[in-house]
């Protein structure tokens, strides 16, 4: 979350995730925007893709 916050230039408190450990395709919420996280095979780099959330009642961790 720290890495995402730094890259997006937002406070860590503005970043929420739907998982407590790194997972392929996890959802990240930054303010009111949602992103899917796609990791490389070694989980050493990631890419954020804009996402549309179908169920807005996802439980997030900060």
C-alpha atoms as a PDB file:
ATOM      1  CA  UNK A   1       0.000   0.000   0.000  1.00  0.00           C
ATOM      2  CA  UNK A   2       2.892   2.326   0.703  1.00  0.00           C
ATOM      3  CA  UNK A   3       4.280   1.751  -2.774  1.00  0.00           C
ATOM      4  CA  UNK A   4       0.909   2.426  -4.399  1.00  0.00           C
ATOM      5  CA  UNK A   5       0.361   5.541  -2.285  1.00  0.00           C
ATOM      6  CA  UNK A   6       3.783   6.905  -3.232  1.00  0.00           C
ATOM      7  CA  UNK A   7       3.285   6.156  -6.934  1.00  0.00           C
ATOM      8  CA  UNK A   8      -0.171   7.762  -6.933  1.00  0.00           C
ATOM      9  CA  UNK A   9       1.020  10.675  -4.765  1.00  0.00           C
ATOM     10  CA  UNK A  10      -1.686  10.199  -2.140  1.00  0.00           C
ATOM     11  CA  UNK A  11      -1.524   9.568   1.617  1.00  0.00           C
ATOM     12  CA  UNK A  12      -1.444   5.894   2.654  1.00  0.00           C
ATOM     13  CA  UNK A  13      -4.731   6.504   4.490  1.00  0.00           C
ATOM     14  CA  UNK A  14      -6.367   7.127   1.090  1.00  0.00           C
ATOM     15  CA  UNK A  15      -5.513   3.606  -0.127  1.00  0.00           C
ATOM     16  CA  UNK A  16      -7.674   0.587   0.743  1.00  0.00           C
ATOM     17  CA  UNK A  17      -7.409  -3.012  -0.479  1.00  0.00           C
ATOM     18  CA  UNK A  18      -9.750  -5.997  -0.426  1.00  0.00           C
ATOM     19  CA  UNK A  19      -7.116  -8.488   0.791  1.00  0.00           C
ATOM     20  CA  UNK A  20      -4.660  -8.636   3.680  1.00  0.00           C
ATOM     21  CA  UNK A  21      -1.898 -10.271   1.594  1.00  0.00           C
ATOM     22  CA  UNK A  22      -0.689  -9.757  -1.971  1.00  0.00           C
ATOM     23  CA  UNK A  23      -2.964 -11.509  -4.450  1.00  0.00           C
ATOM     24  CA  UNK A  24      -3.273 -11.448  -8.211  1.00  0.00           C
ATOM     25  CA  UNK A  25      -6.220  -9.271  -9.285  1.00  0.00           C
ATOM     26  CA  UNK A  26      -6.821  -7.770  -5.865  1.00  0.00           C
ATOM     27  CA  UNK A  27      -8.870  -4.561  -5.809  1.00  0.00           C
ATOM     28  CA  UNK A  28      -7.398  -1.273  -4.630  1.00  0.00           C
ATOM     29  CA  UNK A  29      -9.527   1.741  -3.816  1.00  0.00           C
ATOM     30  CA  UNK A  30      -7.846   5.153  -3.975  1.00  0.00           C
ATOM     31  CA  UNK A  31     -10.260   7.831  -2.833  1.00  0.00           C
ATOM     32  CA  UNK A  32     -13.362   6.912  -4.890  1.00  0.00           C
ATOM     33  CA  UNK A  33     -11.520   5.182  -7.762  1.00  0.00           C
ATOM     34  CA  UNK A  34     -11.104   1.410  -8.082  1.00  0.00           C
ATOM     35  CA  UNK A  35      -8.176  -0.472  -9.629  1.00  0.00           C
ATOM     36  CA  UNK A  36      -7.331  -4.101 -10.300  1.00  0.00           C
ATOM     37  CA  UNK A  37      -3.752  -5.005  -9.367  1.00  0.00           C
ATOM     38  CA  UNK A  38      -1.906  -7.244 -11.810  1.00  0.00           C
ATOM     39  CA  UNK A  39       1.433  -8.587 -10.546  1.00  0.00           C
ATOM     40  CA  UNK A  40       4.275 -10.115 -12.516  1.00  0.00           C
ATOM     41  CA  UNK A  41       5.090 -13.797 -11.908  1.00  0.00           C
ATOM     42  CA  UNK A  42       7.440 -13.006  -9.007  1.00  0.00           C
ATOM     43  CA  UNK A  43       5.253 -10.348  -7.346  1.00  0.00           C
ATOM     44  CA  UNK A  44       8.108  -7.868  -7.779  1.00  0.00           C
ATOM     45  CA  UNK A  45       6.215  -5.386  -9.937  1.00  0.00           C
ATOM     46  CA  UNK A  46       2.595  -4.498 -10.477  1.00  0.00           C
ATOM     47  CA  UNK A  47       0.271  -2.676 -12.806  1.00  0.00           C
ATOM     48  CA  UNK A  48      -2.926  -0.857 -11.842  1.00  0.00           C
ATOM     49  CA  UNK A  49      -5.867  -1.172 -14.211  1.00  0.00           C
ATOM     50  CA  UNK A  50      -9.029   0.912 -13.789  1.00  0.00           C
ATOM     51  CA  UNK A  51     -11.902  -1.258 -12.603  1.00  0.00           C
ATOM     52  CA  UNK A  52     -15.645  -0.988 -12.239  1.00  0.00           C
ATOM     53  CA  UNK A  53     -16.982  -2.510  -9.032  1.00  0.00           C
ATOM     54  CA  UNK A  54     -20.208  -4.516  -9.379  1.00  0.00           C
ATOM     55  CA  UNK A  55     -20.737  -5.061  -5.652  1.00  0.00           C
ATOM     56  CA  UNK A  56     -19.989  -1.825  -3.768  1.00  0.00           C
ATOM     57  CA  UNK A  57     -20.175  -3.674  -0.411  1.00  0.00           C
ATOM     58  CA  UNK A  58     -16.617  -5.049  -0.660  1.00  0.00           C
ATOM     59  CA  UNK A  59     -14.783  -5.116   2.674  1.00  0.00           C
ATOM     60  CA  UNK A  60     -11.543  -3.142   2.474  1.00  0.00           C
ATOM     61  CA  UNK A  61      -8.498  -3.039   4.726  1.00  0.00           C
ATOM     62  CA  UNK A  62      -6.598   0.186   5.364  1.00  0.00           C
END
